[in-house]
Amino acid sequence: MFANNLTAIDIVFILLTVLISMTIHEFMHAYVGYKLGDPTASEQGRLSLNPLSHIDPLMTIILPIITLVLFGFPILAAKPVPFNPERVKYGEYGAAMLAAAGPLSNLVLAVLGELAYHHLAGGTAISNFFQWFVLLNVVMFVFNLIPIPPLDGSRVLYAFAPEPVQDFMRSIERFGLFIIIALILIGGFDGVLVRLYNDVLSLIGRV
């Protein structure tokens, strides 16, 4: 499992990567929303690269500790970035652009981390950091593409889905996190997510 065979320095690298990547992910949601005409996130202090602006005590701190102890891997989420769909340009498509900005930022970070990794001497602590940086950003990119509310992939799907599918997605939104955790625990995502994860790693030069 994820928690097995981790050294203290691995844990430090994981926490540092999550902190950096989560902050940029949430900042990009807020930034794209602002550029699309919705200042809601900016007005609430979320257009910020300060990690403290995006941390939710329950979802970002308590939940990952509990899930790491119970299941061997952490499940966590940042504080959701607010937006007003009536103020975002292009309606549902603008909302989809806002949602996609988060995971796409993780993909860009993974590519940059890969470039940094290949320009550093192998076996050093810093190259080990960039290995974690690449792997975890790909995980964040792939995981957030899951089209189940409240994950970003659901908002992208929502913009292009027929009305019955939109109605269904709205009806399960309050239970979305529990559905996601349950599916993870029973292995419901394993085949698809692992395949997509490996495909993304291959595309950016890692196998």
C-alpha atoms as a PDB file:
ATOM      1  CA  MET A   1       0.000   0.000   0.000  1.00  0.00           C
ATOM      2  CA  PHE A   2       0.912   3.673  -0.318  1.00  0.00           C
ATOM      3  CA  ALA A   3       2.068   4.012   3.285  1.00  0.00           C
ATOM      4  CA  ASN A   4       4.388   0.997   3.207  1.00  0.00           C
ATOM      5  CA  ASN A   5       8.164   1.374   2.915  1.00  0.00           C
ATOM      6  CA  LEU A   6       8.123   5.170   3.054  1.00  0.00           C
ATOM      7  CA  THR A   7      11.130   6.855   4.614  1.00  0.00           C
ATOM      8  CA  ALA A   8      10.916  10.054   6.634  1.00  0.00           C
ATOM      9  CA  ILE A   9      12.306  12.026   3.696  1.00  0.00           C
ATOM     10  CA  ASP A  10       9.689  10.468   1.398  1.00  0.00           C
ATOM     11  CA  ILE A  11       6.949  11.702   3.716  1.00  0.00           C
ATOM     12  CA  VAL A  12       8.461  15.181   3.724  1.00  0.00           C
ATOM     13  CA  PHE A  13       8.607  15.173  -0.089  1.00  0.00           C
ATOM     14  CA  ILE A  14       5.005  13.944  -0.328  1.00  0.00           C
ATOM     15  CA  LEU A  15       3.712  16.616   2.044  1.00  0.00           C
ATOM     16  CA  LEU A  16       5.692  19.341   0.277  1.00  0.00           C
ATOM     17  CA  THR A  17       4.428  18.212  -3.133  1.00  0.00           C
ATOM     18  CA  VAL A  18       0.822  18.084  -1.958  1.00  0.00           C
ATOM     19  CA  LEU A  19       1.099  21.529  -0.401  1.00  0.00           C
ATOM     20  CA  ILE A  20       2.608  23.118  -3.531  1.00  0.00           C
ATOM     21  CA  SER A  21       0.412  21.300  -6.035  1.00  0.00           C
ATOM     22  CA  MET A  22      -2.833  21.714  -4.114  1.00  0.00           C
ATOM     23  CA  THR A  23      -2.195  25.440  -3.736  1.00  0.00           C
ATOM     24  CA  ILE A  24      -1.511  25.964  -7.442  1.00  0.00           C
ATOM     25  CA  HIS A  25      -4.483  23.758  -8.360  1.00  0.00           C
ATOM     26  CA  GLU A  26      -6.880  25.850  -6.288  1.00  0.00           C
ATOM     27  CA  PHE A  27      -5.272  29.145  -7.309  1.00  0.00           C
ATOM     28  CA  MET A  28      -5.835  28.270 -10.980  1.00  0.00           C
ATOM     29  CA  HIS A  29      -9.523  27.595 -10.332  1.00  0.00           C
ATOM     30  CA  ALA A  30      -9.797  31.048  -8.768  1.00  0.00           C
ATOM     31  CA  TYR A  31      -7.682  32.721 -11.444  1.00  0.00           C
ATOM     32  CA  VAL A  32      -9.626  31.312 -14.382  1.00  0.00           C
ATOM     33  CA  GLY A  33     -12.908  32.173 -12.680  1.00  0.00           C
ATOM     34  CA  TYR A  34     -11.663  35.738 -12.208  1.00  0.00           C
ATOM     35  CA  LYS A  35     -10.564  35.991 -15.845  1.00  0.00           C
ATOM     36  CA  LEU A  36     -13.980  34.713 -16.910  1.00  0.00           C
ATOM     37  CA  GLY A  37     -15.669  37.548 -15.056  1.00  0.00           C
ATOM     38  CA  ASP A  38     -16.482  36.011 -11.680  1.00  0.00           C
ATOM     39  CA  PRO A  39     -14.681  37.723  -8.748  1.00  0.00           C
ATOM     40  CA  THR A  40     -16.318  35.460  -6.120  1.00  0.00           C
ATOM     41  CA  ALA A  41     -13.168  33.503  -5.282  1.00  0.00           C
ATOM     42  CA  SER A  42     -11.044  36.648  -5.301  1.00  0.00           C
ATOM     43  CA  GLU A  43     -13.445  38.381  -2.932  1.00  0.00           C
ATOM     44  CA  GLN A  44     -13.144  35.446  -0.532  1.00  0.00           C
ATOM     45  CA  GLY A  45      -9.346  35.497  -0.555  1.00  0.00           C
ATOM     46  CA  ARG A  46      -8.885  32.434  -2.751  1.00  0.00           C
ATOM     47  CA  LEU A  47      -6.965  34.154  -5.554  1.00  0.00           C
ATOM     48  CA  SER A  48      -3.862  33.490  -3.521  1.00  0.00           C
ATOM     49  CA  LEU A  49      -0.716  31.360  -3.519  1.00  0.00           C
ATOM     50  CA  ASN A  50      -0.828  31.202   0.277  1.00  0.00           C
ATOM     51  CA  PRO A  51      -1.522  27.527   1.127  1.00  0.00           C
ATOM     52  CA  LEU A  52      -3.426  28.551   4.245  1.00  0.00           C
ATOM     53  CA  SER A  53      -6.098  30.114   2.019  1.00  0.00           C
ATOM     54  CA  HIS A  54      -6.935  26.696   0.553  1.00  0.00           C
ATOM     55  CA  ILE A  55      -6.679  24.353   3.542  1.00  0.00           C
ATOM     56  CA  ASP A  56      -9.846  22.876   4.996  1.00  0.00           C
ATOM     57  CA  PRO A  57      -9.178  21.515   8.529  1.00  0.00           C
ATOM     58  CA  LEU A  58     -11.393  18.464   8.014  1.00  0.00           C
ATOM     59  CA  MET A  59     -10.741  17.543   4.386  1.00  0.00           C
ATOM     60  CA  THR A  60      -7.094  18.586   4.083  1.00  0.00           C
ATOM     61  CA  ILE A  61      -5.747  17.579   7.491  1.00  0.00           C
ATOM     62  CA  ILE A  62      -8.004  15.229   9.450  1.00  0.00           C
ATOM     63  CA  LEU A  63      -9.358  13.095   6.574  1.00  0.00           C
ATOM     64  CA  PRO A  64      -5.937  12.190   5.077  1.00  0.00           C
ATOM     65  CA  ILE A  65      -4.575  11.239   8.500  1.00  0.00           C
ATOM     66  CA  ILE A  66      -7.553   8.974   9.199  1.00  0.00           C
ATOM     67  CA  THR A  67      -7.538   7.360   5.735  1.00  0.00           C
ATOM     68  CA  LEU A  68      -3.771   6.864   5.810  1.00  0.00           C
ATOM     69  CA  VAL A  69      -4.029   5.031   9.139  1.00  0.00           C
ATOM     70  CA  LEU A  70      -7.110   2.992   8.198  1.00  0.00           C
ATOM     71  CA  PHE A  71      -6.500   2.214   4.526  1.00  0.00           C
ATOM     72  CA  GLY A  72      -2.788   2.769   3.950  1.00  0.00           C
ATOM     73  CA  PHE A  73      -3.254   5.723   1.591  1.00  0.00           C
ATOM     74  CA  PRO A  74      -4.456   9.287   2.112  1.00  0.00           C
ATOM     75  CA  ILE A  75      -7.670  10.745   0.722  1.00  0.00           C
ATOM     76  CA  LEU A  76      -7.784  14.507   0.907  1.00  0.00           C
ATOM     77  CA  ALA A  77      -9.296  17.589  -0.653  1.00  0.00           C
ATOM     78  CA  ALA A  78      -8.710  21.306  -0.428  1.00  0.00           C
ATOM     79  CA  LYS A  79     -11.368  23.822   0.466  1.00  0.00           C
ATOM     80  CA  PRO A  80     -13.604  24.109  -2.634  1.00  0.00           C
ATOM     81  CA  VAL A  81     -13.098  27.300  -4.624  1.00  0.00           C
ATOM     82  CA  PRO A  82     -16.441  29.162  -4.775  1.00  0.00           C
ATOM     83  CA  PHE A  83     -17.827  30.498  -8.016  1.00  0.00           C
ATOM     84  CA  ASN A  84     -21.073  32.042  -9.190  1.00  0.00           C
ATOM     85  CA  PRO A  85     -22.260  30.334 -12.392  1.00  0.00           C
ATOM     86  CA  GLU A  86     -24.378  33.372 -13.225  1.00  0.00           C
ATOM     87  CA  ARG A  87     -21.278  35.579 -13.344  1.00  0.00           C
ATOM     88  CA  VAL A  88     -18.985  33.234 -15.267  1.00  0.00           C
ATOM     89  CA  LYS A  89     -18.784  33.938 -18.989  1.00  0.00           C
ATOM     90  CA  TYR A  90     -19.968  31.273 -21.435  1.00  0.00           C
ATOM     91  CA  GLY A  91     -22.319  29.611 -18.935  1.00  0.00           C
ATOM     92  CA  GLU A  92     -21.729  25.909 -18.362  1.00  0.00           C
ATOM     93  CA  TYR A  93     -18.757  25.920 -20.741  1.00  0.00           C
ATOM     94  CA  GLY A  94     -17.112  28.673 -18.713  1.00  0.00           C
ATOM     95  CA  ALA A  95     -17.709  26.627 -15.565  1.00  0.00           C
ATOM     96  CA  ALA A  96     -16.115  23.647 -17.315  1.00  0.00           C
ATOM     97  CA  MET A  97     -13.066  25.769 -18.186  1.00  0.00           C
ATOM     98  CA  LEU A  98     -12.832  26.883 -14.552  1.00  0.00           C
ATOM     99  CA  ALA A  99     -13.024  23.269 -13.368  1.00  0.00           C
ATOM    100  CA  ALA A 100     -10.505  21.982 -15.911  1.00  0.00           C
ATOM    101  CA  ALA A 101      -7.939  24.606 -14.886  1.00  0.00           C
ATOM    102  CA  GLY A 102      -7.160  22.751 -11.639  1.00  0.00           C
ATOM    103  CA  PRO A 103      -6.226  19.312 -12.985  1.00  0.00           C
ATOM    104  CA  LEU A 104      -4.546  20.841 -16.045  1.00  0.00           C
ATOM    105  CA  SER A 105      -2.282  22.781 -13.691  1.00  0.00           C
ATOM    106  CA  ASN A 106      -1.247  19.451 -12.145  1.00  0.00           C
ATOM    107  CA  LEU A 107      -0.455  18.072 -15.586  1.00  0.00           C
ATOM    108  CA  VAL A 108       1.718  21.115 -16.338  1.00  0.00           C
ATOM    109  CA  LEU A 109       3.459  20.733 -12.966  1.00  0.00           C
ATOM    110  CA  ALA A 110       4.134  17.066 -13.742  1.00  0.00           C
ATOM    111  CA  VAL A 111       5.717  17.999 -17.076  1.00  0.00           C
ATOM    112  CA  LEU A 112       7.872  20.679 -15.434  1.00  0.00           C
ATOM    113  CA  GLY A 113       8.856  18.220 -12.700  1.00  0.00           C
ATOM    114  CA  GLU A 114       9.840  15.678 -15.336  1.00  0.00           C
ATOM    115  CA  LEU A 115      12.040  18.231 -17.097  1.00  0.00           C
ATOM    116  CA  ALA A 116      13.685  19.151 -13.790  1.00  0.00           C
ATOM    117  CA  TYR A 117      14.224  15.479 -12.927  1.00  0.00           C
ATOM    118  CA  HIS A 118      16.054  14.776 -16.183  1.00  0.00           C
ATOM    119  CA  HIS A 119      18.368  17.742 -15.724  1.00  0.00           C
ATOM    120  CA  LEU A 120      19.488  16.678 -12.247  1.00  0.00           C
ATOM    121  CA  ALA A 121      21.997  14.035 -11.193  1.00  0.00           C
ATOM    122  CA  GLY A 122      20.367  10.716 -10.421  1.00  0.00           C
ATOM    123  CA  GLY A 123      20.339   9.406  -6.889  1.00  0.00           C
ATOM    124  CA  THR A 124      20.296  12.778  -5.192  1.00  0.00           C
ATOM    125  CA  ALA A 125      17.668  13.863  -2.697  1.00  0.00           C
ATOM    126  CA  ILE A 126      16.449  16.589  -5.020  1.00  0.00           C
ATOM    127  CA  SER A 127      15.961  14.179  -7.909  1.00  0.00           C
ATOM    128  CA  ASN A 128      14.018  11.924  -5.537  1.00  0.00           C
ATOM    129  CA  PHE A 129      11.808  14.909  -4.707  1.00  0.00           C
ATOM    130  CA  PHE A 130      11.062  15.498  -8.372  1.00  0.00           C
ATOM    131  CA  GLN A 131      10.175  11.827  -8.823  1.00  0.00           C
ATOM    132  CA  TRP A 132       7.524  12.212  -6.131  1.00  0.00           C
ATOM    133  CA  PHE A 133       6.502  15.569  -7.597  1.00  0.00           C
ATOM    134  CA  VAL A 134       5.846  14.039 -11.014  1.00  0.00           C
ATOM    135  CA  LEU A 135       4.079  10.934  -9.721  1.00  0.00           C
ATOM    136  CA  LEU A 136       1.790  12.772  -7.312  1.00  0.00           C
ATOM    137  CA  ASN A 137       0.852  15.474  -9.789  1.00  0.00           C
ATOM    138  CA  VAL A 138      -0.122  12.815 -12.299  1.00  0.00           C
ATOM    139  CA  VAL A 139      -2.204  11.164  -9.565  1.00  0.00           C
ATOM    140  CA  MET A 140      -3.911  14.486  -8.816  1.00  0.00           C
ATOM    141  CA  PHE A 141      -4.535  15.108 -12.519  1.00  0.00           C
ATOM    142  CA  VAL A 142      -6.042  11.666 -13.121  1.00  0.00           C
ATOM    143  CA  PHE A 143      -8.034  11.525  -9.876  1.00  0.00           C
ATOM    144  CA  ASN A 144      -9.641  14.901 -10.442  1.00  0.00           C
ATOM    145  CA  LEU A 145     -10.838  13.792 -13.876  1.00  0.00           C
ATOM    146  CA  ILE A 146     -13.261  11.325 -12.268  1.00  0.00           C
ATOM    147  CA  PRO A 147     -16.689  12.573 -13.404  1.00  0.00           C
ATOM    148  CA  ILE A 148     -18.359  12.292 -10.002  1.00  0.00           C
ATOM    149  CA  PRO A 149     -19.302  15.433  -8.059  1.00  0.00           C
ATOM    150  CA  PRO A 150     -17.566  17.278  -6.468  1.00  0.00           C
ATOM    151  CA  LEU A 151     -14.465  16.375  -8.509  1.00  0.00           C
ATOM    152  CA  ASP A 152     -13.483  18.632 -11.388  1.00  0.00           C
ATOM    153  CA  GLY A 153     -14.219  16.042 -14.040  1.00  0.00           C
ATOM    154  CA  SER A 154     -17.897  16.153 -13.103  1.00  0.00           C
ATOM    155  CA  ARG A 155     -18.131  19.875 -13.890  1.00  0.00           C
ATOM    156  CA  VAL A 156     -16.471  19.320 -17.277  1.00  0.00           C
ATOM    157  CA  LEU A 157     -18.835  16.442 -18.057  1.00  0.00           C
ATOM    158  CA  TYR A 158     -21.820  18.463 -16.852  1.00  0.00           C
ATOM    159  CA  ALA A 159     -21.255  21.129 -19.520  1.00  0.00           C
ATOM    160  CA  PHE A 160     -21.565  18.586 -22.323  1.00  0.00           C
ATOM    161  CA  ALA A 161     -24.028  16.096 -20.809  1.00  0.00           C
ATOM    162  CA  PRO A 162     -27.722  15.844 -21.766  1.00  0.00           C
ATOM    163  CA  GLU A 163     -30.219  17.147 -19.239  1.00  0.00           C
ATOM    164  CA  PRO A 164     -31.120  13.736 -17.701  1.00  0.00           C
ATOM    165  CA  VAL A 165     -27.448  13.151 -16.900  1.00  0.00           C
ATOM    166  CA  GLN A 166     -27.159  16.650 -15.450  1.00  0.00           C
ATOM    167  CA  ASP A 167     -30.199  15.983 -13.246  1.00  0.00           C
ATOM    168  CA  PHE A 168     -28.644  12.738 -12.025  1.00  0.00           C
ATOM    169  CA  MET A 169     -25.335  14.439 -11.256  1.00  0.00           C
ATOM    170  CA  ARG A 170     -27.098  17.134  -9.243  1.00  0.00           C
ATOM    171  CA  SER A 171     -29.006  14.481  -7.302  1.00  0.00           C
ATOM    172  CA  ILE A 172     -25.845  12.643  -6.178  1.00  0.00           C
ATOM    173  CA  GLU A 173     -23.690  15.696  -5.490  1.00  0.00           C
ATOM    174  CA  ARG A 174     -24.275  15.689  -1.733  1.00  0.00           C
ATOM    175  CA  PHE A 175     -23.201  12.029  -1.585  1.00  0.00           C
ATOM    176  CA  GLY A 176     -20.349  12.346  -4.094  1.00  0.00           C
ATOM    177  CA  LEU A 177     -17.450  12.133  -1.665  1.00  0.00           C
ATOM    178  CA  PHE A 178     -18.878   9.008  -0.001  1.00  0.00           C
ATOM    179  CA  ILE A 179     -19.424   7.403  -3.420  1.00  0.00           C
ATOM    180  CA  ILE A 180     -15.840   8.157  -4.431  1.00  0.00           C
ATOM    181  CA  ILE A 181     -14.390   6.740  -1.194  1.00  0.00           C
ATOM    182  CA  ALA A 182     -16.546   3.624  -1.477  1.00  0.00           C
ATOM    183  CA  LEU A 183     -15.490   3.031  -5.083  1.00  0.00           C
ATOM    184  CA  ILE A 184     -11.827   3.479  -4.165  1.00  0.00           C
ATOM    185  CA  LEU A 185     -12.122   0.974  -1.301  1.00  0.00           C
ATOM    186  CA  ILE A 186     -13.766  -1.706  -3.457  1.00  0.00           C
ATOM    187  CA  GLY A 187     -11.326  -1.131  -6.310  1.00  0.00           C
ATOM    188  CA  GLY A 188     -13.946   0.269  -8.634  1.00  0.00           C
ATOM    189  CA  PHE A 189     -11.486   2.673 -10.258  1.00  0.00           C
ATOM    190  CA  ASP A 190      -8.390   0.490 -10.295  1.00  0.00           C
ATOM    191  CA  GLY A 191      -8.340  -0.645 -13.914  1.00  0.00           C
ATOM    192  CA  VAL A 192      -9.309   2.636 -15.552  1.00  0.00           C
ATOM    193  CA  LEU A 193      -7.325   4.955 -13.302  1.00  0.00           C
ATOM    194  CA  VAL A 194      -4.158   2.853 -13.314  1.00  0.00           C
ATOM    195  CA  ARG A 195      -4.286   2.608 -17.102  1.00  0.00           C
ATOM    196  CA  LEU A 196      -4.831   6.346 -17.471  1.00  0.00           C
ATOM    197  CA  TYR A 197      -2.115   7.064 -14.904  1.00  0.00           C
ATOM    198  CA  ASN A 198       0.401   4.951 -16.826  1.00  0.00           C
ATOM    199  CA  ASP A 199      -0.646   6.485 -20.136  1.00  0.00           C
ATOM    200  CA  VAL A 200      -0.085  10.004 -18.791  1.00  0.00           C
ATOM    201  CA  LEU A 201       3.309   9.043 -17.373  1.00  0.00           C
ATOM    202  CA  SER A 202       4.266   7.611 -20.757  1.00  0.00           C
ATOM    203  CA  LEU A 203       3.188  10.780 -22.537  1.00  0.00           C
ATOM    204  CA  ILE A 204       5.414  12.927 -20.368  1.00  0.00           C
ATOM    205  CA  GLY A 205       8.373  10.627 -20.704  1.00  0.00           C
ATOM    206  CA  ARG A 206       8.093   8.263 -17.707  1.00  0.00           C
ATOM    207  CA  VAL A 207       7.140   4.603 -17.830  1.00  0.00           C
END
